[in-house]
Amino acid sequence: MRCLIRNLIVMLKLSEKATEFEQLPFAEQATVIWRQGRPVATRHLPDFRLHLYAVDRFFVEMWVCRRRFVVTLFRVIPDTDELMPYIDEKVPVNLARRNVIGP
């Protein structure tokens, strides 16, 4: 587990490539994601699907509008705290079975 956390922290350090990615025009960002990105996880929001990609040594979210089915935003994930919603969504916990929630 420590090794995984250490690797995530290393990947999350905004490298020069992450800064370069942020400065690219939208169409070029899309090209980088499609050619170099490795899909990691997906989150569901009411109006968007957020797809998490690993690109080089950083993570990028791709925001897709659920109504129009178009990509609206690419966003570099700056720190590990912002990965928690992906982890939480991947591991559902039934709190009622653990007697954490009252009757």
Protein backbone atom coordinates (compact mmCIF):
# COMPACT_ATOMS: atom_id res chain seq x y z
CA MET A 1 0.00 0.00 0.00
CA ARG A 2 2.83 2.42 0.84
CA CYS A 3 4.41 1.74 -2.53
CA LEU A 4 1.13 2.56 -4.30
CA ILE A 5 0.76 5.81 -2.36
CA ARG A 6 4.37 6.74 -3.04
CA ASN A 7 3.87 6.09 -6.76
CA LEU A 8 0.71 8.20 -6.81
CA ILE A 9 2.48 11.10 -5.14
CA VAL A 10 5.32 10.92 -7.65
CA MET A 11 2.87 10.86 -10.54
CA LEU A 12 0.93 13.81 -9.16
CA LYS A 13 3.86 16.18 -8.97
CA LEU A 14 3.14 18.64 -11.72
CA SER A 15 5.92 18.08 -14.14
CA GLU A 16 6.90 20.34 -16.95
CA LYS A 17 4.79 18.16 -19.23
CA ALA A 18 1.67 18.83 -17.13
CA THR A 19 2.28 22.56 -17.42
CA GLU A 20 2.84 22.18 -21.16
CA PHE A 21 -0.39 20.19 -21.41
CA GLU A 22 -2.37 22.92 -19.64
CA GLN A 23 -1.07 25.50 -22.10
CA LEU A 24 -2.06 23.51 -25.20
CA PRO A 25 -5.15 24.46 -27.20
CA PHE A 26 -8.20 22.28 -26.47
CA ALA A 27 -7.91 20.21 -29.67
CA GLU A 28 -4.26 19.41 -28.96
CA GLN A 29 -5.10 18.42 -25.39
CA ALA A 30 -7.65 15.97 -26.81
CA THR A 31 -5.02 14.52 -29.14
CA VAL A 32 -2.60 13.99 -26.23
CA ILE A 33 -5.31 12.21 -24.20
CA TRP A 34 -6.33 9.92 -27.06
CA ARG A 35 -2.76 9.05 -28.05
CA GLN A 36 -0.94 8.91 -24.70
CA GLY A 37 -3.62 8.71 -22.00
CA ARG A 38 -4.29 5.52 -20.10
CA PRO A 39 -7.85 5.27 -18.74
CA VAL A 40 -7.88 4.92 -14.96
CA ALA A 41 -11.44 5.46 -13.69
CA THR A 42 -14.78 7.14 -14.33
CA ARG A 43 -17.04 9.16 -12.05
CA HIS A 44 -20.68 10.05 -12.62
CA LEU A 45 -22.10 13.47 -11.79
CA PRO A 46 -25.67 14.55 -12.58
CA ASP A 47 -24.70 16.40 -15.78
CA PHE A 48 -21.22 15.03 -16.53
CA ARG A 49 -19.12 11.90 -16.73
CA LEU A 50 -15.56 12.48 -15.56
CA HIS A 51 -12.99 10.16 -17.07
CA LEU A 52 -9.61 10.03 -15.32
CA TYR A 53 -6.54 9.43 -17.48
CA ALA A 54 -2.88 8.93 -16.58
CA VAL A 55 -0.70 10.87 -19.01
CA ASP A 56 3.06 10.68 -18.57
CA ARG A 57 3.54 11.51 -14.84
CA PHE A 58 0.25 13.29 -14.12
CA PHE A 59 -3.52 12.73 -14.16
CA VAL A 60 -6.09 14.51 -16.33
CA GLU A 61 -9.86 14.57 -16.00
CA MET A 62 -11.92 14.65 -19.16
CA TRP A 63 -15.38 16.14 -18.53
CA VAL A 64 -18.06 14.81 -20.89
CA CYS A 65 -21.53 16.38 -21.00
CA ARG A 66 -24.11 13.62 -20.49
CA ARG A 67 -26.80 15.44 -22.49
CA ARG A 68 -24.77 16.44 -25.54
CA PHE A 69 -22.09 13.70 -25.39
CA VAL A 70 -19.29 16.20 -25.97
CA VAL A 71 -16.03 16.79 -24.15
CA THR A 72 -16.25 20.16 -22.43
CA LEU A 73 -13.08 20.32 -20.33
CA PHE A 74 -9.68 18.76 -19.67
CA ARG A 75 -8.31 19.40 -16.18
CA VAL A 76 -4.97 18.40 -14.68
CA ILE A 77 -5.39 16.92 -11.18
CA PRO A 78 -3.02 18.91 -8.95
CA ASP A 79 -2.95 16.75 -5.78
CA THR A 80 -3.88 13.38 -4.31
CA ASP A 81 -6.89 14.72 -2.40
CA GLU A 82 -8.68 15.17 -5.71
CA LEU A 83 -8.33 11.43 -6.44
CA MET A 84 -10.39 10.46 -3.39
CA PRO A 85 -13.79 10.66 -5.16
CA TYR A 86 -12.51 8.11 -7.69
CA ILE A 87 -11.33 5.81 -4.93
CA ASP A 88 -14.58 6.24 -2.99
CA GLU A 89 -16.66 5.43 -6.07
CA LYS A 90 -14.58 2.34 -6.87
CA VAL A 91 -15.04 0.75 -3.44
CA PRO A 92 -18.68 0.91 -2.34
CA VAL A 93 -19.20 0.17 1.33
CA ASN A 94 -22.48 -1.02 2.76
CA LEU A 95 -22.50 0.95 6.01
CA ALA A 96 -25.78 -0.58 7.18
CA ARG A 97 -24.18 -4.04 7.39
CA ARG A 98 -21.39 -2.70 9.56
CA ASN A 99 -23.85 -1.20 12.06
CA VAL A 100 -22.50 2.27 11.45
CA ILE A 101 -25.92 3.63 10.53
CA GLY A 102 -28.63 3.43 13.13
CA PRO A 103 -32.08 1.88 12.58
